[in-house]
Amino acid sequence: MFGRNLFLAGSAWTACAALAFGGDKHKHHVGDCCPADRTVTVNEVKLVEEQELIAVPQLPVRPVVTRVPIMGVDIEYKEEKRCVTVMVVKPREVETEVTTLATVPETTVDPCTGKLCITYKQIPICKTVKTTVYETVPETREYNVRVPVVKPVERAADVTTLAVDEVSAAATLTRLQVIQTPNEVTIPAPPCTVGCVPEAPHCPR
């Protein structure tokens, strides 16, 4: 039984091989088995620079000078006469009584001879003399002095403040845009150097 089955299988494969490599009806050409050219799609990517003119806001700071009135003072001087009392030393003559000794002649009797003789003796006498004394006395004097006079005046002063202006300036905005371009590229097939081995037809078991 086993030998019979093996024989039948071998016969079937023999028949299939004959059909595949036998006559012209099942003959394959070499060109039909070589790979053909392929067409693929390739995307070309480019960066395109775009520029746009825009307005950019700016905040410049500028000084603002404002004149405002203020109150000030002016100082003027005028001469005035002022009196002041000072102490000064002044001489003054005064009369003073002083006692002095004066020599005056006197007639006396000489005790030895009993005759009259003139002798001199000193006696105190009072005299009035004038002397100069110095006294400190007050004295009023007049002087010219400069007296300040303050006068209020109105003046103008400069006050500086800062102001911010909302303005805009032109600027160039640069953008990069991606552009994809599809391209079809044909890839040639490699040269065919070997023959094509045909596929065996399907044979029933």
N, C-alpha and C. Protein backbone atom coordinates (compact mmCIF):
# COMPACT_ATOMS: atom_id res chain seq x y z
N MET A 1 0.84 -1.21 0.00
CA MET A 1 0.00 0.00 0.00
C MET A 1 0.87 1.25 0.00
N PHE A 2 1.89 1.27 0.85
CA PHE A 2 2.80 2.40 0.92
C PHE A 2 3.56 2.58 -0.35
N GLY A 3 4.00 1.55 -1.00
CA GLY A 3 4.73 1.63 -2.25
C GLY A 3 3.89 2.12 -3.38
N ARG A 4 2.60 1.77 -3.35
CA ARG A 4 1.69 2.23 -4.40
C ARG A 4 1.49 3.74 -4.34
N ASN A 5 1.33 4.25 -3.11
CA ASN A 5 1.14 5.71 -2.96
C ASN A 5 2.37 6.47 -3.40
N LEU A 6 3.54 5.98 -3.04
CA LEU A 6 4.78 6.64 -3.44
C LEU A 6 4.92 6.67 -4.94
N PHE A 7 4.48 5.63 -5.59
CA PHE A 7 4.55 5.57 -7.05
C PHE A 7 3.62 6.59 -7.67
N LEU A 8 2.42 6.72 -7.11
CA LEU A 8 1.45 7.66 -7.68
C LEU A 8 1.94 9.11 -7.51
N ALA A 9 2.53 9.38 -6.36
CA ALA A 9 3.03 10.74 -6.15
C ALA A 9 4.15 11.07 -7.10
N GLY A 10 5.06 10.16 -7.29
CA GLY A 10 6.14 10.40 -8.23
C GLY A 10 5.64 10.59 -9.63
N SER A 11 4.61 9.92 -10.00
CA SER A 11 4.04 10.07 -11.33
C SER A 11 3.44 11.45 -11.50
N ALA A 12 2.76 11.89 -10.44
CA ALA A 12 2.12 13.21 -10.53
C ALA A 12 3.16 14.32 -10.70
N TRP A 13 4.24 14.28 -9.95
CA TRP A 13 5.28 15.30 -10.07
C TRP A 13 5.97 15.20 -11.42
N THR A 14 6.07 14.07 -11.96
CA THR A 14 6.68 13.93 -13.28
C THR A 14 5.82 14.60 -14.32
N ALA A 15 4.52 14.42 -14.17
CA ALA A 15 3.60 15.02 -15.13
C ALA A 15 3.64 16.54 -15.03
N CYS A 16 3.71 17.04 -13.81
CA CYS A 16 3.74 18.50 -13.65
C CYS A 16 5.01 19.07 -14.23
N ALA A 17 6.12 18.43 -14.03
CA ALA A 17 7.37 18.92 -14.59
C ALA A 17 7.34 18.91 -16.10
N ALA A 18 6.68 17.93 -16.66
CA ALA A 18 6.58 17.88 -18.12
C ALA A 18 5.74 19.02 -18.63
N LEU A 19 4.69 19.36 -17.90
CA LEU A 19 3.84 20.48 -18.33
C LEU A 19 4.58 21.81 -18.22
N ALA A 20 5.45 21.92 -17.18
CA ALA A 20 6.12 23.19 -16.97
C ALA A 20 7.25 23.40 -17.95
N PHE A 21 8.03 22.44 -18.20
CA PHE A 21 9.20 22.60 -19.05
C PHE A 21 9.05 21.90 -20.39
N GLY A 22 7.85 21.47 -20.68
CA GLY A 22 7.66 20.69 -21.91
C GLY A 22 7.54 21.55 -23.14
N GLY A 23 6.33 21.73 -23.63
CA GLY A 23 6.11 22.36 -24.93
C GLY A 23 6.18 23.87 -24.88
N ASP A 24 5.93 24.48 -26.07
CA ASP A 24 5.96 25.95 -26.22
C ASP A 24 4.79 26.62 -25.55
N LYS A 25 3.76 25.84 -25.25
CA LYS A 25 2.56 26.46 -24.67
C LYS A 25 2.84 27.03 -23.30
N HIS A 26 3.70 26.40 -22.52
CA HIS A 26 3.99 26.88 -21.16
C HIS A 26 5.39 27.44 -21.06
N LYS A 27 5.98 27.91 -22.15
CA LYS A 27 7.32 28.50 -22.13
C LYS A 27 7.26 29.96 -21.69
N HIS A 28 8.15 30.41 -20.73
CA HIS A 28 8.23 31.80 -20.22
C HIS A 28 9.42 32.47 -20.84
N HIS A 29 9.23 33.76 -21.22
CA HIS A 29 10.31 34.58 -21.75
C HIS A 29 11.10 35.20 -20.61
N VAL A 30 12.36 35.50 -20.92
CA VAL A 30 13.22 36.10 -19.88
C VAL A 30 12.75 37.51 -19.52
N GLY A 31 12.27 38.31 -20.45
CA GLY A 31 11.82 39.68 -20.21
C GLY A 31 10.63 39.77 -19.28
N ASP A 32 9.80 38.69 -19.31
CA ASP A 32 8.63 38.72 -18.43
C ASP A 32 9.00 38.50 -16.98
N CYS A 33 10.13 37.94 -16.69
CA CYS A 33 10.52 37.66 -15.30
C CYS A 33 11.41 38.74 -14.71
N CYS A 34 12.02 39.63 -15.50
CA CYS A 34 12.89 40.69 -14.97
C CYS A 34 12.05 41.80 -14.33
N PRO A 35 12.56 42.49 -13.25
CA PRO A 35 11.79 43.56 -12.60
C PRO A 35 11.65 44.78 -13.51
N ALA A 36 10.48 45.44 -13.44
CA ALA A 36 10.21 46.62 -14.28
C ALA A 36 10.62 47.90 -13.55
N ASP A 37 10.60 48.99 -14.33
CA ASP A 37 10.90 50.30 -13.74
C ASP A 37 9.79 50.70 -12.76
N ARG A 38 10.21 51.45 -11.68
CA ARG A 38 9.25 51.89 -10.68
C ARG A 38 9.13 53.42 -10.72
N THR A 39 7.94 53.90 -10.46
CA THR A 39 7.68 55.35 -10.37
C THR A 39 7.27 55.67 -8.94
N VAL A 40 8.06 56.56 -8.30
CA VAL A 40 7.78 56.97 -6.92
C VAL A 40 7.57 58.48 -6.89
N THR A 41 6.86 58.91 -5.85
CA THR A 41 6.59 60.35 -5.65
C THR A 41 7.53 60.87 -4.58
N VAL A 42 8.31 61.91 -4.92
CA VAL A 42 9.26 62.54 -4.01
C VAL A 42 8.81 63.99 -3.76
N ASN A 43 8.69 64.36 -2.49
CA ASN A 43 8.30 65.74 -2.14
C ASN A 43 9.55 66.59 -1.99
N GLU A 44 9.62 67.65 -2.75
CA GLU A 44 10.72 68.60 -2.64
C GLU A 44 10.31 69.73 -1.67
N VAL A 45 11.07 69.90 -0.59
CA VAL A 45 10.77 70.87 0.46
C VAL A 45 11.67 72.08 0.28
N LYS A 46 11.04 73.24 0.25
CA LYS A 46 11.78 74.50 0.13
C LYS A 46 11.30 75.47 1.20
N LEU A 47 12.26 76.27 1.73
CA LEU A 47 11.94 77.34 2.67
C LEU A 47 11.90 78.67 1.92
N VAL A 48 10.75 79.27 1.91
CA VAL A 48 10.55 80.53 1.19
C VAL A 48 10.47 81.66 2.23
N GLU A 49 11.29 82.67 2.06
CA GLU A 49 11.31 83.81 2.97
C GLU A 49 10.30 84.84 2.52
N GLU A 50 9.38 85.18 3.43
CA GLU A 50 8.36 86.18 3.14
C GLU A 50 8.58 87.37 4.07
N GLN A 51 8.46 88.56 3.56
CA GLN A 51 8.59 89.78 4.33
C GLN A 51 7.29 90.57 4.27
N GLU A 52 6.95 91.12 5.44
CA GLU A 52 5.72 91.88 5.56
C GLU A 52 6.00 93.16 6.34
N LEU A 53 5.46 94.25 5.89
CA LEU A 53 5.65 95.54 6.55
C LEU A 53 4.56 95.71 7.60
N ILE A 54 4.98 95.87 8.87
CA ILE A 54 4.04 96.00 9.97
C ILE A 54 4.37 97.26 10.76
N ALA A 55 3.44 97.66 11.62
CA ALA A 55 3.63 98.81 12.51
C ALA A 55 3.91 98.29 13.91
N VAL A 56 5.04 98.70 14.46
CA VAL A 56 5.46 98.27 15.79
C VAL A 56 5.18 99.41 16.77
N PRO A 57 4.44 99.15 17.85
CA PRO A 57 4.17 100.24 18.82
C PRO A 57 5.44 100.60 19.59
N GLN A 58 5.59 101.88 19.86
CA GLN A 58 6.72 102.40 20.61
C GLN A 58 6.22 103.40 21.65
N LEU A 59 6.99 103.51 22.74
CA LEU A 59 6.65 104.43 23.83
C LEU A 59 7.85 105.34 24.12
N PRO A 60 8.07 106.35 23.30
CA PRO A 60 9.19 107.26 23.59
C PRO A 60 8.87 108.19 24.75
N VAL A 61 9.89 108.51 25.53
CA VAL A 61 9.77 109.40 26.69
C VAL A 61 10.42 110.74 26.34
N ARG A 62 9.70 111.80 26.56
CA ARG A 62 10.22 113.13 26.26
C ARG A 62 10.00 114.05 27.45
N PRO A 63 10.91 115.00 27.69
CA PRO A 63 10.72 115.94 28.79
C PRO A 63 9.76 117.07 28.40
N VAL A 64 8.96 117.48 29.35
CA VAL A 64 8.01 118.58 29.15
C VAL A 64 8.34 119.66 30.19
N VAL A 65 8.65 120.86 29.70
CA VAL A 65 9.01 121.98 30.56
C VAL A 65 7.81 122.91 30.67
N THR A 66 7.38 123.14 31.91
CA THR A 66 6.23 124.01 32.18
C THR A 66 6.67 125.14 33.11
N ARG A 67 6.32 126.36 32.74
CA ARG A 67 6.63 127.53 33.57
C ARG A 67 5.47 127.77 34.53
N VAL A 68 5.80 127.77 35.82
CA VAL A 68 4.79 127.98 36.85
C VAL A 68 5.21 129.17 37.71
N PRO A 69 4.24 129.94 38.21
CA PRO A 69 4.58 131.08 39.09
C PRO A 69 4.88 130.59 40.50
N ILE A 70 5.88 131.20 41.10
CA ILE A 70 6.24 130.93 42.48
C ILE A 70 6.47 132.26 43.20
N MET A 71 6.39 132.20 44.51
CA MET A 71 6.62 133.40 45.32
C MET A 71 8.06 133.38 45.83
N GLY A 72 8.74 134.50 45.59
CA GLY A 72 10.11 134.66 46.06
C GLY A 72 10.25 135.95 46.85
N VAL A 73 11.44 136.21 47.27
CA VAL A 73 11.70 137.42 48.05
C VAL A 73 12.91 138.14 47.46
N ASP A 74 12.87 139.44 47.55
CA ASP A 74 13.99 140.30 47.20
C ASP A 74 14.43 141.04 48.46
N ILE A 75 15.72 141.16 48.62
CA ILE A 75 16.28 141.83 49.78
C ILE A 75 16.93 143.13 49.33
N GLU A 76 16.46 144.22 49.90
CA GLU A 76 17.04 145.54 49.64
C GLU A 76 17.55 146.12 50.96
N TYR A 77 18.50 147.04 50.83
CA TYR A 77 19.10 147.67 52.02
C TYR A 77 18.85 149.18 51.97
N LYS A 78 18.55 149.72 53.12
CA LYS A 78 18.42 151.16 53.25
C LYS A 78 19.17 151.61 54.50
N GLU A 79 19.64 152.86 54.46
CA GLU A 79 20.41 153.41 55.59
C GLU A 79 19.47 154.13 56.54
N GLU A 80 19.65 153.80 57.80
CA GLU A 80 18.89 154.45 58.85
C GLU A 80 19.84 154.92 59.95
N LYS A 81 19.41 155.98 60.68
CA LYS A 81 20.19 156.50 61.79
C LYS A 81 19.75 155.81 63.07
N ARG A 82 20.70 155.24 63.76
CA ARG A 82 20.41 154.57 65.00
C ARG A 82 21.27 155.18 66.11
N CYS A 83 20.68 155.28 67.29
CA CYS A 83 21.38 155.82 68.45
C CYS A 83 21.79 154.69 69.38
N VAL A 84 22.96 154.86 69.95
CA VAL A 84 23.49 153.87 70.87
C VAL A 84 24.18 154.61 72.00
N THR A 85 24.08 154.07 73.20
CA THR A 85 24.71 154.67 74.38
C THR A 85 25.99 153.93 74.67
N VAL A 86 27.06 154.68 74.74
CA VAL A 86 28.37 154.10 75.02
C VAL A 86 28.93 154.77 76.27
N MET A 87 29.84 154.10 76.91
CA MET A 87 30.52 154.63 78.09
C MET A 87 31.88 155.16 77.67
N VAL A 88 32.11 156.42 78.00
CA VAL A 88 33.37 157.07 77.64
C VAL A 88 33.99 157.68 78.90
N VAL A 89 35.27 157.93 78.82
CA VAL A 89 36.01 158.56 79.92
C VAL A 89 36.23 160.03 79.57
N LYS A 90 35.78 160.92 80.47
CA LYS A 90 35.92 162.36 80.24
C LYS A 90 36.62 163.01 81.45
N PRO A 91 37.47 164.00 81.16
CA PRO A 91 38.13 164.71 82.28
C PRO A 91 37.21 165.77 82.87
N ARG A 92 37.42 166.01 84.13
CA ARG A 92 36.62 167.03 84.83
C ARG A 92 37.49 167.68 85.91
N GLU A 93 37.43 169.06 85.99
CA GLU A 93 38.20 169.79 86.99
C GLU A 93 37.38 169.94 88.27
N VAL A 94 38.04 169.64 89.35
CA VAL A 94 37.40 169.77 90.66
C VAL A 94 38.30 170.59 91.58
N GLU A 95 37.70 171.31 92.53
CA GLU A 95 38.45 172.09 93.53
C GLU A 95 38.53 171.27 94.83
N THR A 96 39.76 171.15 95.29
CA THR A 96 40.00 170.38 96.51
C THR A 96 40.78 171.21 97.51
N GLU A 97 40.39 171.17 98.76
CA GLU A 97 41.13 171.87 99.84
C GLU A 97 42.20 170.94 100.39
N VAL A 98 43.40 171.47 100.42
CA VAL A 98 44.53 170.70 100.93
C VAL A 98 45.22 171.50 102.03
N THR A 99 45.82 170.81 102.96
CA THR A 99 46.55 171.46 104.07
C THR A 99 48.03 171.37 103.79
N THR A 100 48.64 172.53 103.82
CA THR A 100 50.09 172.58 103.58
C THR A 100 50.79 173.33 104.73
N LEU A 101 52.09 173.23 104.80
CA LEU A 101 52.89 173.93 105.82
C LEU A 101 53.53 175.16 105.20
N ALA A 102 53.35 176.26 105.83
CA ALA A 102 53.96 177.53 105.35
C ALA A 102 54.94 178.07 106.41
N THR A 103 56.00 178.60 105.97
CA THR A 103 57.02 179.19 106.87
C THR A 103 56.76 180.68 107.00
N VAL A 104 56.51 181.08 108.16
CA VAL A 104 56.19 182.49 108.40
C VAL A 104 57.19 183.03 109.43
N PRO A 105 57.59 184.36 109.33
CA PRO A 105 58.50 184.96 110.34
C PRO A 105 57.75 185.32 111.63
N GLU A 106 58.47 185.23 112.68
CA GLU A 106 57.87 185.52 113.98
C GLU A 106 58.93 186.25 114.86
N THR A 107 58.54 187.36 115.55
CA THR A 107 59.46 188.13 116.41
C THR A 107 59.38 187.56 117.83
N THR A 108 60.52 187.20 118.29
CA THR A 108 60.59 186.62 119.63
C THR A 108 61.76 187.26 120.39
N VAL A 109 61.82 187.03 121.69
CA VAL A 109 62.90 187.54 122.56
C VAL A 109 63.90 186.43 122.75
N ASP A 110 65.13 186.80 122.47
CA ASP A 110 66.19 185.80 122.63
C ASP A 110 66.40 185.60 124.12
N PRO A 111 66.31 184.42 124.60
CA PRO A 111 66.45 184.20 126.03
C PRO A 111 67.88 184.44 126.55
N CYS A 112 68.80 184.38 125.69
CA CYS A 112 70.20 184.55 126.14
C CYS A 112 70.56 186.04 126.22
N THR A 113 70.17 186.77 125.20
CA THR A 113 70.57 188.17 125.14
C THR A 113 69.45 189.07 125.60
N GLY A 114 68.25 188.64 125.58
CA GLY A 114 67.10 189.45 125.95
C GLY A 114 66.71 190.45 124.87
N LYS A 115 67.17 190.26 123.68
CA LYS A 115 66.85 191.15 122.57
C LYS A 115 65.81 190.50 121.68
N LEU A 116 65.17 191.37 120.90
CA LEU A 116 64.20 190.86 119.94
C LEU A 116 64.91 190.26 118.73
N CYS A 117 64.39 189.18 118.32
CA CYS A 117 64.96 188.52 117.11
C CYS A 117 63.81 187.92 116.29
N ILE A 118 64.08 187.71 115.03
CA ILE A 118 63.06 187.14 114.13
C ILE A 118 63.42 185.66 113.89
N THR A 119 62.44 184.89 114.17
CA THR A 119 62.58 183.44 113.90
C THR A 119 61.50 183.00 112.90
N TYR A 120 61.69 181.89 112.30
CA TYR A 120 60.75 181.33 111.29
C TYR A 120 60.20 179.99 111.81
N LYS A 121 58.93 179.88 111.63
CA LYS A 121 58.33 178.62 112.02
C LYS A 121 57.29 178.21 110.97
N GLN A 122 56.97 176.94 110.94
CA GLN A 122 55.99 176.40 109.97
C GLN A 122 54.63 176.25 110.64
N ILE A 123 53.66 176.74 109.90
CA ILE A 123 52.30 176.63 110.40
C ILE A 123 51.43 176.01 109.29
N PRO A 124 50.43 175.22 109.65
CA PRO A 124 49.55 174.65 108.61
C PRO A 124 48.56 175.68 108.11
N ILE A 125 48.43 175.64 106.81
CA ILE A 125 47.44 176.52 106.17
C ILE A 125 46.62 175.68 105.19
N CYS A 126 45.42 176.12 104.93
CA CYS A 126 44.52 175.41 103.97
C CYS A 126 44.47 176.19 102.66
N LYS A 127 44.58 175.42 101.54
CA LYS A 127 44.50 176.02 100.22
C LYS A 127 43.50 175.23 99.35
N THR A 128 42.93 175.94 98.43
CA THR A 128 42.02 175.31 97.46
C THR A 128 42.74 175.18 96.13
N VAL A 129 42.85 173.95 95.68
CA VAL A 129 43.55 173.70 94.40
C VAL A 129 42.58 173.02 93.43
N LYS A 130 42.84 173.22 92.15
CA LYS A 130 42.04 172.58 91.09
C LYS A 130 42.79 171.36 90.54
N THR A 131 42.10 170.25 90.49
CA THR A 131 42.67 169.01 89.96
C THR A 131 41.76 168.46 88.85
N THR A 132 42.37 167.67 88.00
CA THR A 132 41.61 167.04 86.89
C THR A 132 41.38 165.57 87.22
N VAL A 133 40.15 165.21 87.22
CA VAL A 133 39.79 163.80 87.46
C VAL A 133 39.13 163.25 86.18
N TYR A 134 39.20 161.94 86.01
CA TYR A 134 38.62 161.27 84.82
C TYR A 134 37.49 160.35 85.28
N GLU A 135 36.39 160.54 84.66
CA GLU A 135 35.20 159.79 85.05
C GLU A 135 34.63 159.06 83.81
N THR A 136 34.03 157.92 84.08
CA THR A 136 33.33 157.16 83.02
C THR A 136 31.88 157.56 83.03
N VAL A 137 31.48 158.15 81.92
CA VAL A 137 30.12 158.66 81.83
C VAL A 137 29.46 158.11 80.57
N PRO A 138 28.15 157.91 80.58
CA PRO A 138 27.46 157.46 79.36
C PRO A 138 27.32 158.57 78.35
N GLU A 139 27.41 158.17 77.08
CA GLU A 139 27.29 159.15 76.01
C GLU A 139 26.49 158.52 74.87
N THR A 140 25.55 159.22 74.36
CA THR A 140 24.70 158.76 73.26
C THR A 140 25.30 159.20 71.94
N ARG A 141 25.50 158.24 71.08
CA ARG A 141 26.07 158.55 69.77
C ARG A 141 25.11 158.06 68.67
N GLU A 142 25.21 158.68 67.53
CA GLU A 142 24.34 158.35 66.40
C GLU A 142 25.18 157.81 65.25
N TYR A 143 24.71 156.68 64.70
CA TYR A 143 25.43 156.04 63.59
C TYR A 143 24.44 155.73 62.47
N ASN A 144 24.98 155.62 61.26
CA ASN A 144 24.20 155.19 60.10
C ASN A 144 24.43 153.69 59.88
N VAL A 145 23.37 152.93 59.82
CA VAL A 145 23.44 151.49 59.62
C VAL A 145 22.59 151.09 58.41
N ARG A 146 22.96 149.95 57.80
CA ARG A 146 22.18 149.41 56.67
C ARG A 146 21.18 148.40 57.21
N VAL A 147 19.92 148.64 56.93
CA VAL A 147 18.84 147.79 57.43
C VAL A 147 18.26 147.01 56.24
N PRO A 148 18.20 145.66 56.32
CA PRO A 148 17.63 144.89 55.21
C PRO A 148 16.10 145.01 55.19
N VAL A 149 15.58 145.07 53.97
CA VAL A 149 14.13 145.14 53.77
C VAL A 149 13.76 143.99 52.83
N VAL A 150 12.90 143.09 53.31
CA VAL A 150 12.47 141.91 52.53
C VAL A 150 11.16 142.23 51.85
N LYS A 151 11.16 142.05 50.51
CA LYS A 151 9.95 142.30 49.73
C LYS A 151 9.56 141.03 48.98
N PRO A 152 8.30 140.59 49.12
CA PRO A 152 7.86 139.41 48.35
C PRO A 152 7.63 139.78 46.88
N VAL A 153 8.11 138.93 46.00
CA VAL A 153 7.93 139.13 44.56
C VAL A 153 7.47 137.81 43.94
N GLU A 154 6.80 137.90 42.83
CA GLU A 154 6.33 136.73 42.09
C GLU A 154 7.29 136.44 40.94
N ARG A 155 7.72 135.19 40.87
CA ARG A 155 8.66 134.78 39.83
C ARG A 155 8.12 133.57 39.11
N ALA A 156 8.79 133.24 38.00
CA ALA A 156 8.43 132.07 37.21
C ALA A 156 9.56 131.04 37.28
N ALA A 157 9.18 129.79 37.48
CA ALA A 157 10.16 128.70 37.56
C ALA A 157 9.80 127.64 36.53
N ASP A 158 10.82 126.94 36.05
CA ASP A 158 10.63 125.87 35.07
C ASP A 158 10.54 124.54 35.79
N VAL A 159 9.44 123.83 35.57
CA VAL A 159 9.22 122.50 36.14
C VAL A 159 9.27 121.49 35.00
N THR A 160 10.15 120.51 35.13
CA THR A 160 10.34 119.51 34.08
C THR A 160 9.67 118.21 34.50
N THR A 161 8.77 117.72 33.63
CA THR A 161 8.11 116.43 33.83
C THR A 161 8.37 115.55 32.61
N LEU A 162 8.05 114.28 32.75
CA LEU A 162 8.25 113.30 31.67
C LEU A 162 6.89 112.89 31.11
N ALA A 163 6.81 112.85 29.79
CA ALA A 163 5.59 112.44 29.09
C ALA A 163 5.90 111.27 28.17
N VAL A 164 4.94 110.35 28.08
CA VAL A 164 5.08 109.15 27.23
C VAL A 164 4.08 109.26 26.10
N ASP A 165 4.55 109.14 24.87
CA ASP A 165 3.70 109.20 23.68
C ASP A 165 3.55 107.81 23.10
N GLU A 166 2.31 107.46 22.74
CA GLU A 166 2.04 106.17 22.10
C GLU A 166 2.11 106.36 20.59
N VAL A 167 3.23 105.96 20.01
CA VAL A 167 3.43 106.07 18.57
C VAL A 167 3.79 104.69 18.03
N SER A 168 3.90 104.60 16.73
CA SER A 168 4.29 103.36 16.08
C SER A 168 5.28 103.66 14.98
N ALA A 169 6.10 102.66 14.68
CA ALA A 169 7.12 102.79 13.65
C ALA A 169 7.03 101.60 12.71
N ALA A 170 7.46 101.83 11.48
CA ALA A 170 7.42 100.77 10.48
C ALA A 170 8.56 99.79 10.71
N ALA A 171 8.25 98.50 10.56
CA ALA A 171 9.25 97.45 10.72
C ALA A 171 8.95 96.34 9.72
N THR A 172 9.97 95.59 9.41
CA THR A 172 9.84 94.48 8.46
C THR A 172 9.79 93.17 9.22
N LEU A 173 8.70 92.40 9.00
CA LEU A 173 8.54 91.10 9.64
C LEU A 173 8.89 90.02 8.61
N THR A 174 9.82 89.18 8.97
CA THR A 174 10.29 88.11 8.08
C THR A 174 9.78 86.77 8.58
N ARG A 175 9.12 86.02 7.69
CA ARG A 175 8.65 84.68 8.02
C ARG A 175 9.25 83.68 7.03
N LEU A 176 9.36 82.44 7.50
CA LEU A 176 9.81 81.33 6.65
C LEU A 176 8.64 80.38 6.43
N GLN A 177 8.28 80.17 5.16
CA GLN A 177 7.16 79.30 4.80
C GLN A 177 7.69 78.05 4.10
N VAL A 178 7.16 76.91 4.53
CA VAL A 178 7.56 75.62 3.96
C VAL A 178 6.64 75.28 2.79
N ILE A 179 7.23 75.05 1.63
CA ILE A 179 6.49 74.69 0.42
C ILE A 179 6.96 73.31 -0.03
N GLN A 180 5.99 72.41 -0.16
CA GLN A 180 6.29 71.06 -0.62
C GLN A 180 5.79 70.89 -2.07
N THR A 181 6.69 70.43 -2.92
CA THR A 181 6.35 70.21 -4.34
C THR A 181 6.50 68.72 -4.65
N PRO A 182 5.38 68.02 -4.97
CA PRO A 182 5.49 66.58 -5.30
C PRO A 182 6.07 66.39 -6.71
N ASN A 183 7.00 65.50 -6.82
CA ASN A 183 7.64 65.16 -8.10
C ASN A 183 7.63 63.64 -8.26
N GLU A 184 7.26 63.20 -9.46
CA GLU A 184 7.29 61.76 -9.77
C GLU A 184 8.64 61.42 -10.39
N VAL A 185 9.30 60.47 -9.79
CA VAL A 185 10.64 60.05 -10.23
C VAL A 185 10.57 58.59 -10.64
N THR A 186 11.08 58.27 -11.82
CA THR A 186 11.13 56.89 -12.33
C THR A 186 12.48 56.27 -11.97
N ILE A 187 12.40 55.19 -11.24
CA ILE A 187 13.61 54.47 -10.85
C ILE A 187 13.81 53.32 -11.83
N PRO A 188 14.87 53.36 -12.62
CA PRO A 188 15.07 52.26 -13.60
C PRO A 188 15.39 50.96 -12.88
N ALA A 189 14.92 49.88 -13.52
CA ALA A 189 15.16 48.55 -12.95
C ALA A 189 16.60 48.12 -13.22
N PRO A 190 17.16 47.34 -12.35
CA PRO A 190 18.52 46.84 -12.60
C PRO A 190 18.54 45.89 -13.81
N PRO A 191 19.65 45.80 -14.45
CA PRO A 191 19.72 44.89 -15.63
C PRO A 191 19.50 43.43 -15.22
N CYS A 192 18.78 42.70 -16.10
CA CYS A 192 18.46 41.29 -15.82
C CYS A 192 19.58 40.42 -16.40
N THR A 193 20.24 39.69 -15.56
CA THR A 193 21.39 38.87 -15.99
C THR A 193 21.13 37.38 -15.92
N VAL A 194 20.08 36.93 -15.26
CA VAL A 194 19.80 35.48 -15.14
C VAL A 194 18.43 35.21 -15.73
N GLY A 195 18.20 33.98 -16.12
CA GLY A 195 16.91 33.58 -16.67
C GLY A 195 15.90 33.41 -15.59
N CYS A 196 14.68 33.42 -16.00
CA CYS A 196 13.57 33.31 -15.07
C CYS A 196 13.19 31.85 -14.93
N VAL A 197 13.10 31.39 -13.72
CA VAL A 197 12.66 30.00 -13.46
C VAL A 197 11.16 30.05 -13.29
N PRO A 198 10.42 29.42 -14.24
CA PRO A 198 8.96 29.48 -14.16
C PRO A 198 8.46 28.74 -12.95
N GLU A 199 7.36 29.21 -12.49
CA GLU A 199 6.74 28.57 -11.34
C GLU A 199 5.99 27.35 -11.80
N ALA A 200 6.14 26.32 -11.05
CA ALA A 200 5.49 25.08 -11.40
C ALA A 200 3.98 25.21 -11.28
N PRO A 201 3.26 24.71 -12.29
CA PRO A 201 1.81 24.83 -12.20
C PRO A 201 1.29 23.99 -11.06
N HIS A 202 0.15 24.34 -10.62
CA HIS A 202 -0.46 23.63 -9.52
C HIS A 202 -1.10 22.35 -10.03
N CYS A 203 -0.66 21.32 -9.50
CA CYS A 203 -1.17 20.01 -9.93
C CYS A 203 -1.97 19.40 -8.80
N PRO A 204 -3.04 18.75 -9.12
CA PRO A 204 -3.81 18.09 -8.07
C PRO A 204 -3.05 16.91 -7.52
N ARG A 205 -3.24 16.68 -6.26
CA ARG A 205 -2.63 15.52 -5.62
C ARG A 205 -3.45 14.27 -5.86
